[in-house]
PDB file of N, CA and C in Angstrom:
ATOM      1  N   MET A   1       0.849  -1.177   0.000  1.00  0.00           N
ATOM      2  CA  MET A   1       0.000   0.000   0.000  1.00  0.00           C
ATOM      3  C   MET A   1       0.893   1.237   0.000  1.00  0.00           C
ATOM      4  N   SER A   2       0.537   2.203  -0.814  1.00  0.00           N
ATOM      5  CA  SER A   2       1.341   3.423  -0.914  1.00  0.00           C
ATOM      6  C   SER A   2       1.093   4.345   0.279  1.00  0.00           C
ATOM      7  N   ILE A   3       2.047   5.191   0.541  1.00  0.00           N
ATOM      8  CA  ILE A   3       1.904   6.142   1.638  1.00  0.00           C
ATOM      9  C   ILE A   3       0.781   7.138   1.337  1.00  0.00           C
ATOM     10  N   PHE A   4       0.564   7.460   0.064  1.00  0.00           N
ATOM     11  CA  PHE A   4      -0.528   8.366  -0.281  1.00  0.00           C
ATOM     12  C   PHE A   4      -1.869   7.718   0.047  1.00  0.00           C
ATOM     13  N   THR A   5      -2.009   6.430  -0.246  1.00  0.00           N
ATOM     14  CA  THR A   5      -3.238   5.712   0.099  1.00  0.00           C
ATOM     15  C   THR A   5      -3.412   5.650   1.604  1.00  0.00           C
ATOM     16  N   GLU A   6      -2.328   5.466   2.334  1.00  0.00           N
ATOM     17  CA  GLU A   6      -2.406   5.439   3.793  1.00  0.00           C
ATOM     18  C   GLU A   6      -2.855   6.796   4.342  1.00  0.00           C
ATOM     19  N   MET A   7      -2.399   7.891   3.716  1.00  0.00           N
ATOM     20  CA  MET A   7      -2.766   9.226   4.197  1.00  0.00           C
ATOM     21  C   MET A   7      -4.216   9.553   3.863  1.00  0.00           C
ATOM     22  N   TYR A   8      -4.665   9.142   2.658  1.00  0.00           N
ATOM     23  CA  TYR A   8      -6.052   9.383   2.250  1.00  0.00           C
ATOM     24  C   TYR A   8      -6.364   8.435   1.113  1.00  0.00           C
ATOM     25  N   ASP A   9      -7.252   7.471   1.353  1.00  0.00           N
ATOM     26  CA  ASP A   9      -7.459   6.401   0.369  1.00  0.00           C
ATOM     27  C   ASP A   9      -8.349   6.767  -0.812  1.00  0.00           C
ATOM     28  N   LEU A  10      -9.034   7.891  -0.750  1.00  0.00           N
ATOM     29  CA  LEU A  10      -9.791   8.364  -1.905  1.00  0.00           C
ATOM     30  C   LEU A  10      -8.887   9.291  -2.712  1.00  0.00           C
ATOM     31  N   HIS A  11      -9.156   9.449  -3.972  1.00  0.00           N
ATOM     32  CA  HIS A  11      -8.301  10.291  -4.803  1.00  0.00           C
ATOM     33  C   HIS A  11      -8.790  11.732  -4.894  1.00  0.00           C
ATOM     34  N   VAL A  12     -10.044  11.973  -4.587  1.00  0.00           N
ATOM     35  CA  VAL A  12     -10.607  13.321  -4.614  1.00  0.00           C
ATOM     36  C   VAL A  12     -10.953  13.716  -3.179  1.00  0.00           C
ATOM     37  N   PHE A  13     -10.510  14.894  -2.777  1.00  0.00           N
ATOM     38  CA  PHE A  13     -10.746  15.351  -1.409  1.00  0.00           C
ATOM     39  C   PHE A  13     -12.190  15.816  -1.253  1.00  0.00           C
ATOM     40  N   GLU A  14     -12.866  15.269  -0.261  1.00  0.00           N
ATOM     41  CA  GLU A  14     -14.290  15.512  -0.061  1.00  0.00           C
ATOM     42  C   GLU A  14     -14.604  16.859   0.565  1.00  0.00           C
ATOM     43  N   SER A  15     -13.642  17.438   1.256  1.00  0.00           N
ATOM     44  CA  SER A  15     -13.890  18.711   1.928  1.00  0.00           C
ATOM     45  C   SER A  15     -12.576  19.457   2.124  1.00  0.00           C
ATOM     46  N   GLU A  16     -12.683  20.714   2.476  1.00  0.00           N
ATOM     47  CA  GLU A  16     -11.502  21.528   2.757  1.00  0.00           C
ATOM     48  C   GLU A  16     -10.757  20.986   3.983  1.00  0.00           C
ATOM     49  N   TRP A  17     -11.504  20.511   4.976  1.00  0.00           N
ATOM     50  CA  TRP A  17     -10.882  19.956   6.187  1.00  0.00           C
ATOM     51  C   TRP A  17     -10.043  18.721   5.835  1.00  0.00           C
ATOM     52  N   VAL A  18     -10.591  17.828   5.022  1.00  0.00           N
ATOM     53  CA  VAL A  18      -9.875  16.617   4.618  1.00  0.00           C
ATOM     54  C   VAL A  18      -8.606  16.999   3.848  1.00  0.00           C
ATOM     55  N   TYR A  19      -8.730  17.997   2.994  1.00  0.00           N
ATOM     56  CA  TYR A  19      -7.592  18.469   2.207  1.00  0.00           C
ATOM     57  C   TYR A  19      -6.492  19.023   3.122  1.00  0.00           C
ATOM     58  N   ARG A  20      -6.861  19.824   4.107  1.00  0.00           N
ATOM     59  CA  ARG A  20      -5.870  20.364   5.058  1.00  0.00           C
ATOM     60  C   ARG A  20      -5.232  19.244   5.877  1.00  0.00           C
ATOM     61  N   GLU A  21      -6.020  18.256   6.275  1.00  0.00           N
ATOM     62  CA  GLU A  21      -5.496  17.125   7.039  1.00  0.00           C
ATOM     63  C   GLU A  21      -4.497  16.324   6.197  1.00  0.00           C
ATOM     64  N   PHE A  22      -4.790  16.142   4.910  1.00  0.00           N
ATOM     65  CA  PHE A  22      -3.859  15.468   4.010  1.00  0.00           C
ATOM     66  C   PHE A  22      -2.542  16.241   3.936  1.00  0.00           C
ATOM     67  N   HIS A  23      -2.630  17.562   3.808  1.00  0.00           N
ATOM     68  CA  HIS A  23      -1.418  18.398   3.756  1.00  0.00           C
ATOM     69  C   HIS A  23      -0.616  18.290   5.050  1.00  0.00           C
ATOM     70  N   ARG A  24      -1.282  18.184   6.181  1.00  0.00           N
ATOM     71  CA  ARG A  24      -0.589  18.020   7.463  1.00  0.00           C
ATOM     72  C   ARG A  24       0.194  16.705   7.451  1.00  0.00           C
ATOM     73  N   LYS A  25      -0.453  15.626   7.006  1.00  0.00           N
ATOM     74  CA  LYS A  25       0.207  14.322   6.950  1.00  0.00           C
ATOM     75  C   LYS A  25       1.338  14.321   5.914  1.00  0.00           C
ATOM     76  N   LEU A  26       1.126  15.002   4.807  1.00  0.00           N
ATOM     77  CA  LEU A  26       2.154  15.096   3.776  1.00  0.00           C
ATOM     78  C   LEU A  26       3.380  15.831   4.307  1.00  0.00           C
ATOM     79  N   ALA A  27       3.172  16.882   5.070  1.00  0.00           N
ATOM     80  CA  ALA A  27       4.290  17.631   5.662  1.00  0.00           C
ATOM     81  C   ALA A  27       5.111  16.723   6.580  1.00  0.00           C
ATOM     82  N   ILE A  28       4.437  15.868   7.337  1.00  0.00           N
ATOM     83  CA  ILE A  28       5.139  14.922   8.219  1.00  0.00           C
ATOM     84  C   ILE A  28       5.931  13.924   7.380  1.00  0.00           C
ATOM     85  N   ALA A  29       5.309  13.401   6.315  1.00  0.00           N
ATOM     86  CA  ALA A  29       5.985  12.429   5.446  1.00  0.00           C
ATOM     87  C   ALA A  29       7.222  13.044   4.797  1.00  0.00           C
ATOM     88  N   LEU A  30       7.130  14.307   4.394  1.00  0.00           N
ATOM     89  CA  LEU A  30       8.284  14.999   3.820  1.00  0.00           C
ATOM     90  C   LEU A  30       9.375  15.186   4.867  1.00  0.00           C
ATOM     91  N   GLU A  31       8.977  15.629   6.061  1.00  0.00           N
ATOM     92  CA  GLU A  31       9.935  15.876   7.139  1.00  0.00           C
ATOM     93  C   GLU A  31      10.647  14.596   7.570  1.00  0.00           C
ATOM     94  N   GLU A  32       9.915  13.488   7.603  1.00  0.00           N
ATOM     95  CA  GLU A  32      10.493  12.203   8.023  1.00  0.00           C
ATOM     96  C   GLU A  32      11.291  11.529   6.900  1.00  0.00           C
ATOM     97  N   GLY A  33      11.182  12.061   5.680  1.00  0.00           N
ATOM     98  CA  GLY A  33      11.934  11.503   4.570  1.00  0.00           C
ATOM     99  C   GLY A  33      11.264  10.330   3.877  1.00  0.00           C
ATOM    100  N   TRP A  34       9.984  10.104   4.122  1.00  0.00           N
ATOM    101  CA  TRP A  34       9.269   8.999   3.471  1.00  0.00           C
ATOM    102  C   TRP A  34       8.950   9.332   2.026  1.00  0.00           C
ATOM    103  N   VAL A  35       8.722  10.607   1.735  1.00  0.00           N
ATOM    104  CA  VAL A  35       8.482  11.068   0.369  1.00  0.00           C
ATOM    105  C   VAL A  35       9.354  12.289   0.124  1.00  0.00           C
ATOM    106  N   GLN A  36       9.582  12.583  -1.149  1.00  0.00           N
ATOM    107  CA  GLN A  36      10.310  13.792  -1.491  1.00  0.00           C
ATOM    108  C   GLN A  36       9.577  14.472  -2.642  1.00  0.00           C
ATOM    109  N   GLU A  37       9.572  15.795  -2.626  1.00  0.00           N
ATOM    110  CA  GLU A  37       8.967  16.534  -3.716  1.00  0.00           C
ATOM    111  C   GLU A  37       9.965  16.581  -4.858  1.00  0.00           C
ATOM    112  N   ILE A  38       9.473  16.351  -6.064  1.00  0.00           N
ATOM    113  CA  ILE A  38      10.324  16.355  -7.249  1.00  0.00           C
ATOM    114  C   ILE A  38       9.750  17.350  -8.253  1.00  0.00           C
ATOM    115  N   PRO A  39      10.557  17.793  -9.216  1.00  0.00           N
ATOM    116  CA  PRO A  39      10.042  18.725 -10.226  1.00  0.00           C
ATOM    117  C   PRO A  39       8.946  18.069 -11.069  1.00  0.00           C
ATOM    118  N   VAL A  40       7.973  18.870 -11.459  1.00  0.00           N
ATOM    119  CA  VAL A  40       6.923  18.385 -12.352  1.00  0.00           C
ATOM    120  C   VAL A  40       7.577  18.018 -13.674  1.00  0.00           C
ATOM    121  N   GLY A  41       7.328  16.818 -14.142  1.00  0.00           N
ATOM    122  CA  GLY A  41       8.026  16.292 -15.308  1.00  0.00           C
ATOM    123  C   GLY A  41       7.393  16.598 -16.643  1.00  0.00           C
ATOM    124  N   ILE A  42       6.291  17.332 -16.660  1.00  0.00           N
ATOM    125  CA  ILE A  42       5.592  17.600 -17.920  1.00  0.00           C
ATOM    126  C   ILE A  42       5.397  19.098 -18.085  1.00  0.00           C
ATOM    127  N   LYS A  43       5.739  19.587 -19.260  1.00  0.00           N
ATOM    128  CA  LYS A  43       5.415  20.972 -19.626  1.00  0.00           C
ATOM    129  C   LYS A  43       4.054  20.932 -20.297  1.00  0.00           C
ATOM    130  N   ARG A  44       3.071  21.581 -19.707  1.00  0.00           N
ATOM    131  CA  ARG A  44       1.706  21.539 -20.234  1.00  0.00           C
ATOM    132  C   ARG A  44       1.379  22.813 -20.998  1.00  0.00           C
ATOM    133  N   VAL A  45       0.533  22.662 -22.006  1.00  0.00           N
ATOM    134  CA  VAL A  45       0.055  23.812 -22.769  1.00  0.00           C
ATOM    135  C   VAL A  45      -0.732  24.731 -21.849  1.00  0.00           C
ATOM    136  N   HIS A  46      -1.590  24.140 -21.036  1.00  0.00           N
ATOM    137  CA  HIS A  46      -2.365  24.882 -20.047  1.00  0.00           C
ATOM    138  C   HIS A  46      -1.844  24.484 -18.666  1.00  0.00           C
ATOM    139  N   PRO A  47      -0.981  25.311 -18.070  1.00  0.00           N
ATOM    140  CA  PRO A  47      -0.384  24.950 -16.783  1.00  0.00           C
ATOM    141  C   PRO A  47      -1.435  24.652 -15.716  1.00  0.00           C
ATOM    142  N   ARG A  48      -1.102  23.692 -14.877  1.00  0.00           N
ATOM    143  CA  ARG A  48      -1.965  23.304 -13.763  1.00  0.00           C
ATOM    144  C   ARG A  48      -1.244  23.630 -12.461  1.00  0.00           C
ATOM    145  N   SER A  49      -2.012  23.742 -11.431  1.00  0.00           N
ATOM    146  CA  SER A  49      -1.430  23.902 -10.103  1.00  0.00           C
ATOM    147  C   SER A  49      -1.214  22.498  -9.543  1.00  0.00           C
ATOM    148  N   GLU A  50      -0.012  21.972  -9.763  1.00  0.00           N
ATOM    149  CA  GLU A  50       0.263  20.607  -9.339  1.00  0.00           C
ATOM    150  C   GLU A  50       1.656  20.496  -8.747  1.00  0.00           C
ATOM    151  N   ARG A  51       1.809  19.513  -7.867  1.00  0.00           N
ATOM    152  CA  ARG A  51       3.101  19.194  -7.263  1.00  0.00           C
ATOM    153  C   ARG A  51       3.293  17.690  -7.389  1.00  0.00           C
ATOM    154  N   TRP A  52       4.531  17.274  -7.671  1.00  0.00           N
ATOM    155  CA  TRP A  52       4.845  15.858  -7.806  1.00  0.00           C
ATOM    156  C   TRP A  52       5.678  15.404  -6.618  1.00  0.00           C
ATOM    157  N   PHE A  53       5.425  14.169  -6.181  1.00  0.00           N
ATOM    158  CA  PHE A  53       6.122  13.574  -5.046  1.00  0.00           C
ATOM    159  C   PHE A  53       6.516  12.148  -5.387  1.00  0.00           C
ATOM    160  N   ARG A  54       7.712  11.744  -4.919  1.00  0.00           N
ATOM    161  CA  ARG A  54       8.163  10.363  -5.086  1.00  0.00           C
ATOM    162  C   ARG A  54       8.215   9.702  -3.716  1.00  0.00           C
ATOM    163  N   GLU A  55       7.597   8.545  -3.632  1.00  0.00           N
ATOM    164  CA  GLU A  55       7.661   7.740  -2.413  1.00  0.00           C
ATOM    165  C   GLU A  55       9.003   7.023  -2.420  1.00  0.00           C
ATOM    166  N   LYS A  56       9.818   7.268  -1.417  1.00  0.00           N
ATOM    167  CA  LYS A  56      11.180   6.729  -1.407  1.00  0.00           C
ATOM    168  C   LYS A  56      11.209   5.209  -1.323  1.00  0.00           C
ATOM    169  N   ARG A  57      10.281   4.619  -0.589  1.00  0.00           N
ATOM    170  CA  ARG A  57      10.281   3.165  -0.396  1.00  0.00           C
ATOM    171  C   ARG A  57      10.035   2.423  -1.708  1.00  0.00           C
ATOM    172  N   SER A  58       9.056   2.866  -2.479  1.00  0.00           N
ATOM    173  CA  SER A  58       8.665   2.141  -3.691  1.00  0.00           C
ATOM    174  C   SER A  58       9.133   2.800  -4.984  1.00  0.00           C
ATOM    175  N   GLY A  59       9.476   4.091  -4.937  1.00  0.00           N
ATOM    176  CA  GLY A  59       9.825   4.817  -6.147  1.00  0.00           C
ATOM    177  C   GLY A  59       8.615   5.342  -6.907  1.00  0.00           C
ATOM    178  N   GLU A  60       7.410   5.028  -6.429  1.00  0.00           N
ATOM    179  CA  GLU A  60       6.182   5.503  -7.072  1.00  0.00           C
ATOM    180  C   GLU A  60       6.144   7.032  -7.047  1.00  0.00           C
ATOM    181  N   VAL A  61       5.585   7.619  -8.118  1.00  0.00           N
ATOM    182  CA  VAL A  61       5.454   9.071  -8.205  1.00  0.00           C
ATOM    183  C   VAL A  61       3.970   9.419  -8.219  1.00  0.00           C
ATOM    184  N   TYR A  62       3.617  10.458  -7.466  1.00  0.00           N
ATOM    185  CA  TYR A  62       2.233  10.904  -7.339  1.00  0.00           C
ATOM    186  C   TYR A  62       2.141  12.386  -7.652  1.00  0.00           C
ATOM    187  N   VAL A  63       0.991  12.790  -8.175  1.00  0.00           N
ATOM    188  CA  VAL A  63       0.735  14.196  -8.442  1.00  0.00           C
ATOM    189  C   VAL A  63      -0.397  14.650  -7.525  1.00  0.00           C
ATOM    190  N   LEU A  64      -0.203  15.799  -6.911  1.00  0.00           N
ATOM    191  CA  LEU A  64      -1.222  16.444  -6.093  1.00  0.00           C
ATOM    192  C   LEU A  64      -1.677  17.668  -6.861  1.00  0.00           C
ATOM    193  N   GLU A  65      -2.942  17.666  -7.280  1.00  0.00           N
ATOM    194  CA  GLU A  65      -3.477  18.756  -8.086  1.00  0.00           C
ATOM    195  C   GLU A  65      -4.399  19.627  -7.238  1.00  0.00           C
ATOM    196  N   ASP A  66      -4.062  20.908  -7.170  1.00  0.00           N
ATOM    197  CA  ASP A  66      -4.910  21.886  -6.492  1.00  0.00           C
ATOM    198  C   ASP A  66      -5.798  22.527  -7.547  1.00  0.00           C
ATOM    199  N   SER A  67      -7.082  22.571  -7.268  1.00  0.00           N
ATOM    200  CA  SER A  67      -7.999  23.125  -8.255  1.00  0.00           C
ATOM    201  C   SER A  67      -9.010  24.027  -7.571  1.00  0.00           C
ATOM    202  N   HIS A  68      -9.275  25.163  -8.209  1.00  0.00           N
ATOM    203  CA  HIS A  68     -10.283  26.073  -7.678  1.00  0.00           C
ATOM    204  C   HIS A  68     -11.634  25.825  -8.350  1.00  0.00           C
ATOM    205  N   GLU A  69     -11.617  25.220  -9.549  1.00  0.00           N
ATOM    206  CA  GLU A  69     -12.860  24.961 -10.265  1.00  0.00           C
ATOM    207  C   GLU A  69     -13.539  23.678  -9.799  1.00  0.00           C
ATOM    208  N   LYS A  70     -12.740  22.670  -9.423  1.00  0.00           N
ATOM    209  CA  LYS A  70     -13.292  21.394  -8.975  1.00  0.00           C
ATOM    210  C   LYS A  70     -12.528  20.965  -7.723  1.00  0.00           C
ATOM    211  N   SER A  71     -12.888  19.833  -7.181  1.00  0.00           N
ATOM    212  CA  SER A  71     -12.220  19.345  -5.979  1.00  0.00           C
ATOM    213  C   SER A  71     -10.769  18.994  -6.269  1.00  0.00           C
ATOM    214  N   SER A  72      -9.892  19.299  -5.333  1.00  0.00           N
ATOM    215  CA  SER A  72      -8.486  18.931  -5.456  1.00  0.00           C
ATOM    216  C   SER A  72      -8.366  17.416  -5.346  1.00  0.00           C
ATOM    217  N   SER A  73      -7.269  16.867  -5.903  1.00  0.00           N
ATOM    218  CA  SER A  73      -7.122  15.417  -5.927  1.00  0.00           C
ATOM    219  C   SER A  73      -5.654  15.011  -5.992  1.00  0.00           C
ATOM    220  N   TRP A  74      -5.414  13.718  -5.805  1.00  0.00           N
ATOM    221  CA  TRP A  74      -4.088  13.147  -6.009  1.00  0.00           C
ATOM    222  C   TRP A  74      -4.261  11.876  -6.821  1.00  0.00           C
ATOM    223  N   ARG A  75      -3.195  11.486  -7.523  1.00  0.00           N
ATOM    224  CA  ARG A  75      -3.220  10.254  -8.308  1.00  0.00           C
ATOM    225  C   ARG A  75      -1.790   9.832  -8.612  1.00  0.00           C
ATOM    226  N   PRO A  76      -1.607   8.546  -8.933  1.00  0.00           N
ATOM    227  CA  PRO A  76      -0.285   8.115  -9.382  1.00  0.00           C
ATOM    228  C   PRO A  76       0.030   8.734 -10.736  1.00  0.00           C
ATOM    229  N   VAL A  77       1.295   9.012 -10.981  1.00  0.00           N
ATOM    230  CA  VAL A  77       1.737   9.510 -12.280  1.00  0.00           C
ATOM    231  C   VAL A  77       1.972   8.292 -13.172  1.00  0.00           C
ATOM    232  N   GLU A  78       1.426   8.338 -14.369  1.00  0.00           N
ATOM    233  CA  GLU A  78       1.569   7.228 -15.310  1.00  0.00           C
ATOM    234  C   GLU A  78       3.000   7.193 -15.854  1.00  0.00           C
ATOM    235  N   PRO A  79       3.534   5.998 -16.161  1.00  0.00           N
ATOM    236  CA  PRO A  79       4.904   5.888 -16.675  1.00  0.00           C
ATOM    237  C   PRO A  79       5.160   6.738 -17.915  1.00  0.00           C
ATOM    238  N   GLU A  80       4.172   6.842 -18.808  1.00  0.00           N
ATOM    239  CA  GLU A  80       4.386   7.647 -20.021  1.00  0.00           C
ATOM    240  C   GLU A  80       4.496   9.135 -19.693  1.00  0.00           C
ATOM    241  N   ASP A  81       3.965   9.558 -18.541  1.00  0.00           N
ATOM    242  CA  ASP A  81       4.126  10.946 -18.109  1.00  0.00           C
ATOM    243  C   ASP A  81       5.504  11.187 -17.494  1.00  0.00           C
ATOM    244  N   LEU A  82       6.098  10.141 -16.925  1.00  0.00           N
ATOM    245  CA  LEU A  82       7.436  10.265 -16.346  1.00  0.00           C
ATOM    246  C   LEU A  82       8.500  10.375 -17.435  1.00  0.00           C
ATOM    247  N   PHE A  83       8.310   9.631 -18.517  1.00  0.00           N
ATOM    248  CA  PHE A  83       9.288   9.591 -19.599  1.00  0.00           C
ATOM    249  C   PHE A  83       8.564   9.806 -20.924  1.00  0.00           C
ATOM    250  N   PRO A  84       8.065  11.007 -21.184  1.00  0.00           N
ATOM    251  CA  PRO A  84       7.236  11.216 -22.372  1.00  0.00           C
ATOM    252  C   PRO A  84       7.988  11.072 -23.696  1.00  0.00           C
ATOM    253  N   ASP A  85       9.297  11.218 -23.714  1.00  0.00           N
ATOM    254  CA  ASP A  85      10.057  11.143 -24.960  1.00  0.00           C
ATOM    255  C   ASP A  85      10.542   9.734 -25.281  1.00  0.00           C
ATOM    256  N   ARG A  86      10.389   8.811 -24.326  1.00  0.00           N
ATOM    257  CA  ARG A  86      10.883   7.451 -24.533  1.00  0.00           C
ATOM    258  C   ARG A  86       9.717   6.474 -24.545  1.00  0.00           C
ATOM    259  N   PRO A  87       9.671   5.563 -25.517  1.00  0.00           N
ATOM    260  CA  PRO A  87       8.604   4.557 -25.502  1.00  0.00           C
ATOM    261  C   PRO A  87       8.805   3.612 -24.314  1.00  0.00           C
ATOM    262  N   ILE A  88       7.720   3.203 -23.720  1.00  0.00           N
ATOM    263  CA  ILE A  88       7.766   2.283 -22.590  1.00  0.00           C
ATOM    264  C   ILE A  88       7.635   0.859 -23.120  1.00  0.00           C
ATOM    265  N   THR A  89       8.572  -0.004 -22.770  1.00  0.00           N
ATOM    266  CA  THR A  89       8.538  -1.404 -23.160  1.00  0.00           C
ATOM    267  C   THR A  89       8.445  -2.235 -21.898  1.00  0.00           C
ATOM    268  N   VAL A  90       7.466  -3.109 -21.865  1.00  0.00           N
ATOM    269  CA  VAL A  90       7.297  -3.990 -20.722  1.00  0.00           C
ATOM    270  C   VAL A  90       7.807  -5.369 -21.128  1.00  0.00           C
ATOM    271  N   VAL A  91       8.743  -5.898 -20.356  1.00  0.00           N
ATOM    272  CA  VAL A  91       9.334  -7.199 -20.637  1.00  0.00           C
ATOM    273  C   VAL A  91       8.943  -8.132 -19.513  1.00  0.00           C
ATOM    274  N   SER A  92       8.438  -9.274 -19.860  1.00  0.00           N
ATOM    275  CA  SER A  92       8.045 -10.246 -18.867  1.00  0.00           C
ATOM    276  C   SER A  92       9.093 -11.355 -18.795  1.00  0.00           C
ATOM    277  N   ASN A  93       9.432 -11.750 -17.573  1.00  0.00           N
ATOM    278  CA  ASN A  93      10.368 -12.845 -17.373  1.00  0.00           C
ATOM    279  C   ASN A  93       9.654 -14.160 -17.134  1.00  0.00           C
ATOM    280  N   LEU A  94       8.334 -14.151 -17.281  1.00  0.00           N
ATOM    281  CA  LEU A  94       7.555 -15.368 -17.049  1.00  0.00           C
ATOM    282  C   LEU A  94       7.730 -16.324 -18.213  1.00  0.00           C
ATOM    283  N   LYS A  95       7.847 -17.618 -17.894  1.00  0.00           N
ATOM    284  CA  LYS A  95       7.950 -18.649 -18.915  1.00  0.00           C
ATOM    285  C   LYS A  95       6.698 -19.500 -18.863  1.00  0.00           C
ATOM    286  N   ASN A  96       6.248 -19.929 -20.018  1.00  0.00           N
ATOM    287  CA  ASN A  96       5.072 -20.810 -20.079  1.00  0.00           C
ATOM    288  C   ASN A  96       5.454 -22.237 -19.861  1.00  0.00           C
TER     289      ASN A  96
END
């Protein structure tokens, strides 16, 4: 289970209080070194208010999107967003 799921298991924040509580937990995770903030890896045509974080234990990357038009949310960053210029190849070591 990811640390983001442990902090808040839904991806869309239901209220301002829940959002502030998530930020409190995120600040602790950053301070303790469980996650680190990293530069946003995508240049967007229409910039968003977003911050990217990497979970040190798993290497997973998450985006926290702040929105004034809709509810703020978090989600995992897709591999193609991490490396947009390189094709992603999945190799399986399973044998039949």
